[in-house]
Amino acid sequence: EVQDHGYISMLHLLLGRALHELGDFDQACDHLKFAL
């Protein structure tokens, strides 16, 4: 909403990490690619 792109990328990284640890590898990769 506030278009804070640094936080958007960081949140996608963290979401990817969390989903990876939870075993959802496909969603994790999607979020990590977005962060990248």
ModelCIF file with pLDDT and N, C-alpha, C, O atoms, coordinates in Angstrom:
data_MODEL
#
_entry.id   MODEL 
#
_entity.id                         1 
_entity.type                       polymer 
_entity.pdbx_number_of_molecules   1 
#
_entity_poly.entity_id                      1 
_entity_poly.type                           'polypeptide(L)' 
_entity_poly.nstd_linkage                   no 
_entity_poly.nstd_monomer                   no 
_entity_poly.pdbx_seq_one_letter_code       EVQDHGYISMLHLLLGRALHELGDFDQACDHLKFAL 
_entity_poly.pdbx_seq_one_letter_code_can   EVQDHGYISMLHLLLGRALHELGDFDQACDHLKFAL 
_entity_poly.pdbx_strand_id                 A 
#
loop_
_entity_poly_seq.entity_id 
_entity_poly_seq.num 
_entity_poly_seq.mon_id 
_entity_poly_seq.hetero 
1 1  GLU n 
1 2  VAL n 
1 3  GLN n 
1 4  ASP n 
1 5  HIS n 
1 6  GLY n 
1 7  TYR n 
1 8  ILE n 
1 9  SER n 
1 10 MET n 
1 11 LEU n 
1 12 HIS n 
1 13 LEU n 
1 14 LEU n 
1 15 LEU n 
1 16 GLY n 
1 17 ARG n 
1 18 ALA n 
1 19 LEU n 
1 20 HIS n 
1 21 GLU n 
1 22 LEU n 
1 23 GLY n 
1 24 ASP n 
1 25 PHE n 
1 26 ASP n 
1 27 GLN n 
1 28 ALA n 
1 29 CYS n 
1 30 ASP n 
1 31 HIS n 
1 32 LEU n 
1 33 LYS n 
1 34 PHE n 
1 35 ALA n 
1 36 LEU n 
#
_struct_asym.id          A 
_struct_asym.entity_id   1 
#
loop_
_ma_qa_metric.id 
_ma_qa_metric.mode 
_ma_qa_metric.name 
_ma_qa_metric.software_group_id 
_ma_qa_metric.type 
1 global pLDDT . pLDDT 
2 local  pLDDT . pLDDT 
#
_ma_qa_metric_global.metric_id      1 
_ma_qa_metric_global.metric_value   96.14 
_ma_qa_metric_global.model_id       1 
_ma_qa_metric_global.ordinal_id     1 
#
loop_
_ma_qa_metric_local.label_asym_id 
_ma_qa_metric_local.label_comp_id 
_ma_qa_metric_local.label_seq_id 
_ma_qa_metric_local.metric_id 
_ma_qa_metric_local.metric_value 
_ma_qa_metric_local.model_id 
_ma_qa_metric_local.ordinal_id 
A GLU 1  2 94.00 1 1  
A VAL 2  2 95.00 1 2  
A GLN 3  2 93.00 1 3  
A ASP 4  2 92.00 1 4  
A HIS 5  2 93.00 1 5  
A GLY 6  2 92.00 1 6  
A TYR 7  2 94.00 1 7  
A ILE 8  2 95.00 1 8  
A SER 9  2 96.00 1 9  
A MET 10 2 96.00 1 10 
A LEU 11 2 96.00 1 11 
A HIS 12 2 97.00 1 12 
A LEU 13 2 97.00 1 13 
A LEU 14 2 97.00 1 14 
A LEU 15 2 97.00 1 15 
A GLY 16 2 97.00 1 16 
A ARG 17 2 97.00 1 17 
A ALA 18 2 97.00 1 18 
A LEU 19 2 97.00 1 19 
A HIS 20 2 97.00 1 20 
A GLU 21 2 96.00 1 21 
A LEU 22 2 97.00 1 22 
A GLY 23 2 96.00 1 23 
A ASP 24 2 97.00 1 24 
A PHE 25 2 97.00 1 25 
A ASP 26 2 96.00 1 26 
A GLN 27 2 97.00 1 27 
A ALA 28 2 97.00 1 28 
A CYS 29 2 97.00 1 29 
A ASP 30 2 97.00 1 30 
A HIS 31 2 98.00 1 31 
A LEU 32 2 98.00 1 32 
A LYS 33 2 98.00 1 33 
A PHE 34 2 97.00 1 34 
A ALA 35 2 97.00 1 35 
A LEU 36 2 97.00 1 36 
#
loop_
_atom_site.group_PDB 
_atom_site.id 
_atom_site.type_symbol 
_atom_site.label_atom_id 
_atom_site.label_alt_id 
_atom_site.label_comp_id 
_atom_site.label_asym_id 
_atom_site.label_entity_id 
_atom_site.label_seq_id 
_atom_site.pdbx_PDB_ins_code 
_atom_site.Cartn_x 
_atom_site.Cartn_y 
_atom_site.Cartn_z 
_atom_site.occupancy 
_atom_site.B_iso_or_equiv 
_atom_site.pdbx_formal_charge 
_atom_site.auth_seq_id 
_atom_site.auth_comp_id 
_atom_site.auth_asym_id 
_atom_site.auth_atom_id 
_atom_site.pdbx_PDB_model_num 
ATOM 1   N N  . GLU A 1 1  ? 0.821  -1.212  0.000  1.00 94.00 ? 1  GLU A N  1 
ATOM 2   C CA . GLU A 1 1  ? 0.000  0.000   0.000  1.00 94.00 ? 1  GLU A CA 1 
ATOM 3   C C  . GLU A 1 1  ? 0.854  1.261   0.000  1.00 94.00 ? 1  GLU A C  1 
ATOM 4   O O  . GLU A 1 1  ? 0.533  2.231   -0.686 1.00 94.00 ? 1  GLU A O  1 
ATOM 5   N N  . VAL A 1 2  ? 1.931  1.249   0.762  1.00 95.00 ? 2  VAL A N  1 
ATOM 6   C CA . VAL A 1 2  ? 2.805  2.430   0.833  1.00 95.00 ? 2  VAL A CA 1 
ATOM 7   C C  . VAL A 1 2  ? 3.961  2.332   -0.158 1.00 95.00 ? 2  VAL A C  1 
ATOM 8   O O  . VAL A 1 2  ? 4.820  3.214   -0.207 1.00 95.00 ? 2  VAL A O  1 
ATOM 9   N N  . GLN A 1 3  ? 3.982  1.273   -0.938 1.00 93.00 ? 3  GLN A N  1 
ATOM 10  C CA . GLN A 1 3  ? 4.997  1.022   -1.966 1.00 93.00 ? 3  GLN A CA 1 
ATOM 11  C C  . GLN A 1 3  ? 6.422  1.103   -1.412 1.00 93.00 ? 3  GLN A C  1 
ATOM 12  O O  . GLN A 1 3  ? 7.297  1.741   -1.997 1.00 93.00 ? 3  GLN A O  1 
ATOM 13  N N  . ASP A 1 4  ? 6.628  0.448   -0.283 1.00 92.00 ? 4  ASP A N  1 
ATOM 14  C CA . ASP A 1 4  ? 7.974  0.359   0.295  1.00 92.00 ? 4  ASP A CA 1 
ATOM 15  C C  . ASP A 1 4  ? 8.632  -0.898  -0.254 1.00 92.00 ? 4  ASP A C  1 
ATOM 16  O O  . ASP A 1 4  ? 8.503  -1.985  0.309  1.00 92.00 ? 4  ASP A O  1 
ATOM 17  N N  . HIS A 1 5  ? 9.333  -0.729  -1.355 1.00 93.00 ? 5  HIS A N  1 
ATOM 18  C CA . HIS A 1 5  ? 9.858  -1.870  -2.099 1.00 93.00 ? 5  HIS A CA 1 
ATOM 19  C C  . HIS A 1 5  ? 10.923 -2.652  -1.332 1.00 93.00 ? 5  HIS A C  1 
ATOM 20  O O  . HIS A 1 5  ? 11.051 -3.862  -1.517 1.00 93.00 ? 5  HIS A O  1 
ATOM 21  N N  . GLY A 1 6  ? 11.672 -1.992  -0.493 1.00 92.00 ? 6  GLY A N  1 
ATOM 22  C CA . GLY A 1 6  ? 12.661 -2.701  0.319  1.00 92.00 ? 6  GLY A CA 1 
ATOM 23  C C  . GLY A 1 6  ? 11.988 -3.674  1.266  1.00 92.00 ? 6  GLY A C  1 
ATOM 24  O O  . GLY A 1 6  ? 12.410 -4.823  1.395  1.00 92.00 ? 6  GLY A O  1 
ATOM 25  N N  . TYR A 1 7  ? 10.929 -3.204  1.935  1.00 94.00 ? 7  TYR A N  1 
ATOM 26  C CA . TYR A 1 7  ? 10.198 -4.088  2.845  1.00 94.00 ? 7  TYR A CA 1 
ATOM 27  C C  . TYR A 1 7  ? 9.437  -5.167  2.081  1.00 94.00 ? 7  TYR A C  1 
ATOM 28  O O  . TYR A 1 7  ? 9.310  -6.295  2.557  1.00 94.00 ? 7  TYR A O  1 
ATOM 29  N N  . ILE A 1 8  ? 8.936  -4.824  0.901  1.00 95.00 ? 8  ILE A N  1 
ATOM 30  C CA . ILE A 1 8  ? 8.234  -5.835  0.098  1.00 95.00 ? 8  ILE A CA 1 
ATOM 31  C C  . ILE A 1 8  ? 9.178  -6.987  -0.223 1.00 95.00 ? 8  ILE A C  1 
ATOM 32  O O  . ILE A 1 8  ? 8.819  -8.153  -0.057 1.00 95.00 ? 8  ILE A O  1 
ATOM 33  N N  . SER A 1 9  ? 10.377 -6.664  -0.682 1.00 96.00 ? 9  SER A N  1 
ATOM 34  C CA . SER A 1 9  ? 11.346 -7.717  -1.002 1.00 96.00 ? 9  SER A CA 1 
ATOM 35  C C  . SER A 1 9  ? 11.744 -8.505  0.245  1.00 96.00 ? 9  SER A C  1 
ATOM 36  O O  . SER A 1 9  ? 11.832 -9.732  0.206  1.00 96.00 ? 9  SER A O  1 
ATOM 37  N N  . MET A 1 10 ? 11.984 -7.800  1.344  1.00 96.00 ? 10 MET A N  1 
ATOM 38  C CA . MET A 1 10 ? 12.367 -8.482  2.588  1.00 96.00 ? 10 MET A CA 1 
ATOM 39  C C  . MET A 1 10 ? 11.248 -9.407  3.066  1.00 96.00 ? 10 MET A C  1 
ATOM 40  O O  . MET A 1 10 ? 11.516 -10.523 3.510  1.00 96.00 ? 10 MET A O  1 
ATOM 41  N N  . LEU A 1 11 ? 10.022 -8.959  2.980  1.00 96.00 ? 11 LEU A N  1 
ATOM 42  C CA . LEU A 1 11 ? 8.903  -9.794  3.420  1.00 96.00 ? 11 LEU A CA 1 
ATOM 43  C C  . LEU A 1 11 ? 8.747  -11.032 2.535  1.00 96.00 ? 11 LEU A C  1 
ATOM 44  O O  . LEU A 1 11 ? 8.432  -12.114 3.030  1.00 96.00 ? 11 LEU A O  1 
ATOM 45  N N  . HIS A 1 12 ? 8.964  -10.876 1.238  1.00 97.00 ? 12 HIS A N  1 
ATOM 46  C CA . HIS A 1 12 ? 8.916  -12.052 0.363  1.00 97.00 ? 12 HIS A CA 1 
ATOM 47  C C  . HIS A 1 12 ? 10.048 -13.021 0.711  1.00 97.00 ? 12 HIS A C  1 
ATOM 48  O O  . HIS A 1 12 ? 9.852  -14.237 0.699  1.00 97.00 ? 12 HIS A O  1 
ATOM 49  N N  . LEU A 1 13 ? 11.220 -12.488 1.020  1.00 97.00 ? 13 LEU A N  1 
ATOM 50  C CA . LEU A 1 13 ? 12.325 -13.348 1.454  1.00 97.00 ? 13 LEU A CA 1 
ATOM 51  C C  . LEU A 1 13 ? 11.942 -14.100 2.719  1.00 97.00 ? 13 LEU A C  1 
ATOM 52  O O  . LEU A 1 13 ? 12.115 -15.317 2.790  1.00 97.00 ? 13 LEU A O  1 
ATOM 53  N N  . LEU A 1 14 ? 11.428 -13.398 3.712  1.00 97.00 ? 14 LEU A N  1 
ATOM 54  C CA . LEU A 1 14 ? 11.067 -14.034 4.984  1.00 97.00 ? 14 LEU A CA 1 
ATOM 55  C C  . LEU A 1 14 ? 9.926  -15.027 4.811  1.00 97.00 ? 14 LEU A C  1 
ATOM 56  O O  . LEU A 1 14 ? 9.924  -16.096 5.420  1.00 97.00 ? 14 LEU A O  1 
ATOM 57  N N  . LEU A 1 15 ? 8.962  -14.668 3.981  1.00 97.00 ? 15 LEU A N  1 
ATOM 58  C CA . LEU A 1 15 ? 7.849  -15.585 3.717  1.00 97.00 ? 15 LEU A CA 1 
ATOM 59  C C  . LEU A 1 15 ? 8.371  -16.838 3.016  1.00 97.00 ? 15 LEU A C  1 
ATOM 60  O O  . LEU A 1 15 ? 7.948  -17.952 3.325  1.00 97.00 ? 15 LEU A O  1 
ATOM 61  N N  . GLY A 1 16 ? 9.283  -16.650 2.080  1.00 97.00 ? 16 GLY A N  1 
ATOM 62  C CA . GLY A 1 16 ? 9.885  -17.804 1.411  1.00 97.00 ? 16 GLY A CA 1 
ATOM 63  C C  . GLY A 1 16 ? 10.647 -18.696 2.376  1.00 97.00 ? 16 GLY A C  1 
ATOM 64  O O  . GLY A 1 16 ? 10.555 -19.922 2.310  1.00 97.00 ? 16 GLY A O  1 
ATOM 65  N N  . ARG A 1 17 ? 11.399 -18.069 3.272  1.00 97.00 ? 17 ARG A N  1 
ATOM 66  C CA . ARG A 1 17 ? 12.139 -18.855 4.268  1.00 97.00 ? 17 ARG A CA 1 
ATOM 67  C C  . ARG A 1 17 ? 11.193 -19.644 5.164  1.00 97.00 ? 17 ARG A C  1 
ATOM 68  O O  . ARG A 1 17 ? 11.411 -20.828 5.419  1.00 97.00 ? 17 ARG A O  1 
ATOM 69  N N  . ALA A 1 18 ? 10.140 -18.980 5.640  1.00 97.00 ? 18 ALA A N  1 
ATOM 70  C CA . ALA A 1 18 ? 9.188  -19.645 6.535  1.00 97.00 ? 18 ALA A CA 1 
ATOM 71  C C  . ALA A 1 18 ? 8.496  -20.806 5.816  1.00 97.00 ? 18 ALA A C  1 
ATOM 72  O O  . ALA A 1 18 ? 8.384  -21.900 6.368  1.00 97.00 ? 18 ALA A O  1 
ATOM 73  N N  . LEU A 1 19 ? 8.038  -20.569 4.598  1.00 97.00 ? 19 LEU A N  1 
ATOM 74  C CA . LEU A 1 19 ? 7.355  -21.624 3.854  1.00 97.00 ? 19 LEU A CA 1 
ATOM 75  C C  . LEU A 1 19 ? 8.298  -22.785 3.539  1.00 97.00 ? 19 LEU A C  1 
ATOM 76  O O  . LEU A 1 19 ? 7.882  -23.944 3.535  1.00 97.00 ? 19 LEU A O  1 
ATOM 77  N N  . HIS A 1 20 ? 9.560  -22.471 3.277  1.00 97.00 ? 20 HIS A N  1 
ATOM 78  C CA . HIS A 1 20 ? 10.545 -23.532 3.049  1.00 97.00 ? 20 HIS A CA 1 
ATOM 79  C C  . HIS A 1 20 ? 10.677 -24.399 4.300  1.00 97.00 ? 20 HIS A C  1 
ATOM 80  O O  . HIS A 1 20 ? 10.668 -25.627 4.221  1.00 97.00 ? 20 HIS A O  1 
ATOM 81  N N  . GLU A 1 21 ? 10.796 -23.752 5.441  1.00 96.00 ? 21 GLU A N  1 
ATOM 82  C CA . GLU A 1 21 ? 10.919 -24.507 6.691  1.00 96.00 ? 21 GLU A CA 1 
ATOM 83  C C  . GLU A 1 21 ? 9.664  -25.317 6.994  1.00 96.00 ? 21 GLU A C  1 
ATOM 84  O O  . GLU A 1 21 ? 9.732  -26.341 7.674  1.00 96.00 ? 21 GLU A O  1 
ATOM 85  N N  . LEU A 1 22 ? 8.524  -24.864 6.493  1.00 97.00 ? 22 LEU A N  1 
ATOM 86  C CA . LEU A 1 22 ? 7.268  -25.583 6.710  1.00 97.00 ? 22 LEU A CA 1 
ATOM 87  C C  . LEU A 1 22 ? 7.030  -26.661 5.650  1.00 97.00 ? 22 LEU A C  1 
ATOM 88  O O  . LEU A 1 22 ? 6.032  -27.378 5.699  1.00 97.00 ? 22 LEU A O  1 
ATOM 89  N N  . GLY A 1 23 ? 7.960  -26.769 4.687  1.00 96.00 ? 23 GLY A N  1 
ATOM 90  C CA . GLY A 1 23 ? 7.861  -27.823 3.681  1.00 96.00 ? 23 GLY A CA 1 
ATOM 91  C C  . GLY A 1 23 ? 7.103  -27.454 2.424  1.00 96.00 ? 23 GLY A C  1 
ATOM 92  O O  . GLY A 1 23 ? 6.898  -28.313 1.566  1.00 96.00 ? 23 GLY A O  1 
ATOM 93  N N  . ASP A 1 24 ? 6.680  -26.207 2.285  1.00 97.00 ? 24 ASP A N  1 
ATOM 94  C CA . ASP A 1 24 ? 5.973  -25.765 1.084  1.00 97.00 ? 24 ASP A CA 1 
ATOM 95  C C  . ASP A 1 24 ? 7.003  -25.178 0.117  1.00 97.00 ? 24 ASP A C  1 
ATOM 96  O O  . ASP A 1 24 ? 7.127  -23.960 -0.014 1.00 97.00 ? 24 ASP A O  1 
ATOM 97  N N  . PHE A 1 25 ? 7.732  -26.060 -0.550 1.00 97.00 ? 25 PHE A N  1 
ATOM 98  C CA . PHE A 1 25 ? 8.875  -25.651 -1.359 1.00 97.00 ? 25 PHE A CA 1 
ATOM 99  C C  . PHE A 1 25 ? 8.478  -24.848 -2.596 1.00 97.00 ? 25 PHE A C  1 
ATOM 100 O O  . PHE A 1 25 ? 9.198  -23.933 -2.996 1.00 97.00 ? 25 PHE A O  1 
ATOM 101 N N  . ASP A 1 26 ? 7.341  -25.182 -3.200 1.00 96.00 ? 26 ASP A N  1 
ATOM 102 C CA . ASP A 1 26 ? 6.911  -24.455 -4.396 1.00 96.00 ? 26 ASP A CA 1 
ATOM 103 C C  . ASP A 1 26 ? 6.587  -23.001 -4.075 1.00 96.00 ? 26 ASP A C  1 
ATOM 104 O O  . ASP A 1 26 ? 7.051  -22.086 -4.755 1.00 96.00 ? 26 ASP A O  1 
ATOM 105 N N  . GLN A 1 27 ? 5.786  -22.798 -3.031 1.00 97.00 ? 27 GLN A N  1 
ATOM 106 C CA . GLN A 1 27 ? 5.447  -21.424 -2.635 1.00 97.00 ? 27 GLN A CA 1 
ATOM 107 C C  . GLN A 1 27 ? 6.688  -20.679 -2.146 1.00 97.00 ? 27 GLN A C  1 
ATOM 108 O O  . GLN A 1 27 ? 6.844  -19.484 -2.394 1.00 97.00 ? 27 GLN A O  1 
ATOM 109 N N  . ALA A 1 28 ? 7.558  -21.392 -1.456 1.00 97.00 ? 28 ALA A N  1 
ATOM 110 C CA . ALA A 1 28 ? 8.797  -20.771 -0.982 1.00 97.00 ? 28 ALA A CA 1 
ATOM 111 C C  . ALA A 1 28 ? 9.597  -20.244 -2.164 1.00 97.00 ? 28 ALA A C  1 
ATOM 112 O O  . ALA A 1 28 ? 10.069 -19.107 -2.134 1.00 97.00 ? 28 ALA A O  1 
ATOM 113 N N  . CYS A 1 29 ? 9.755  -21.059 -3.203 1.00 97.00 ? 29 CYS A N  1 
ATOM 114 C CA . CYS A 1 29 ? 10.500 -20.631 -4.388 1.00 97.00 ? 29 CYS A CA 1 
ATOM 115 C C  . CYS A 1 29 ? 9.846  -19.432 -5.058 1.00 97.00 ? 29 CYS A C  1 
ATOM 116 O O  . CYS A 1 29 ? 10.535 -18.515 -5.505 1.00 97.00 ? 29 CYS A O  1 
ATOM 117 N N  . ASP A 1 30 ? 8.522  -19.436 -5.127 1.00 97.00 ? 30 ASP A N  1 
ATOM 118 C CA . ASP A 1 30 ? 7.824  -18.299 -5.740 1.00 97.00 ? 30 ASP A CA 1 
ATOM 119 C C  . ASP A 1 30 ? 8.127  -17.001 -5.004 1.00 97.00 ? 30 ASP A C  1 
ATOM 120 O O  . ASP A 1 30 ? 8.433  -15.985 -5.627 1.00 97.00 ? 30 ASP A O  1 
ATOM 121 N N  . HIS A 1 31 ? 8.040  -17.036 -3.686 1.00 98.00 ? 31 HIS A N  1 
ATOM 122 C CA . HIS A 1 31 ? 8.304  -15.827 -2.899 1.00 98.00 ? 31 HIS A CA 1 
ATOM 123 C C  . HIS A 1 31 ? 9.776  -15.423 -2.972 1.00 98.00 ? 31 HIS A C  1 
ATOM 124 O O  . HIS A 1 31 ? 10.094 -14.236 -3.039 1.00 98.00 ? 31 HIS A O  1 
ATOM 125 N N  . LEU A 1 32 ? 10.659 -16.399 -2.960 1.00 98.00 ? 32 LEU A N  1 
ATOM 126 C CA . LEU A 1 32 ? 12.088 -16.088 -3.040 1.00 98.00 ? 32 LEU A CA 1 
ATOM 127 C C  . LEU A 1 32 ? 12.456 -15.498 -4.404 1.00 98.00 ? 32 LEU A C  1 
ATOM 128 O O  . LEU A 1 32 ? 13.293 -14.600 -4.485 1.00 98.00 ? 32 LEU A O  1 
ATOM 129 N N  . LYS A 1 33 ? 11.835 -15.998 -5.468 1.00 98.00 ? 33 LYS A N  1 
ATOM 130 C CA . LYS A 1 33 ? 12.073 -15.425 -6.801 1.00 98.00 ? 33 LYS A CA 1 
ATOM 131 C C  . LYS A 1 33 ? 11.582 -13.980 -6.858 1.00 98.00 ? 33 LYS A C  1 
ATOM 132 O O  . LYS A 1 33 ? 12.225 -13.122 -7.462 1.00 98.00 ? 33 LYS A O  1 
ATOM 133 N N  . PHE A 1 34 ? 10.453 -13.723 -6.234 1.00 97.00 ? 34 PHE A N  1 
ATOM 134 C CA . PHE A 1 34 ? 9.927  -12.350 -6.198 1.00 97.00 ? 34 PHE A CA 1 
ATOM 135 C C  . PHE A 1 34 ? 10.876 -11.446 -5.419 1.00 97.00 ? 34 PHE A C  1 
ATOM 136 O O  . PHE A 1 34 ? 11.148 -10.319 -5.834 1.00 97.00 ? 34 PHE A O  1 
ATOM 137 N N  . ALA A 1 35 ? 11.376 -11.939 -4.295 1.00 97.00 ? 35 ALA A N  1 
ATOM 138 C CA . ALA A 1 35 ? 12.332 -11.167 -3.491 1.00 97.00 ? 35 ALA A CA 1 
ATOM 139 C C  . ALA A 1 35 ? 13.605 -10.901 -4.282 1.00 97.00 ? 35 ALA A C  1 
ATOM 140 O O  . ALA A 1 35 ? 14.171 -9.810  -4.220 1.00 97.00 ? 35 ALA A O  1 
ATOM 141 N N  . LEU A 1 36 ? 14.051 -11.911 -5.027 1.00 97.00 ? 36 LEU A N  1 
ATOM 142 C CA . LEU A 1 36 ? 15.263 -11.756 -5.826 1.00 97.00 ? 36 LEU A CA 1 
ATOM 143 C C  . LEU A 1 36 ? 15.068 -10.702 -6.908 1.00 97.00 ? 36 LEU A C  1 
ATOM 144 O O  . LEU A 1 36 ? 15.986 -10.434 -7.683 1.00 97.00 ? 36 LEU A O  1 
#
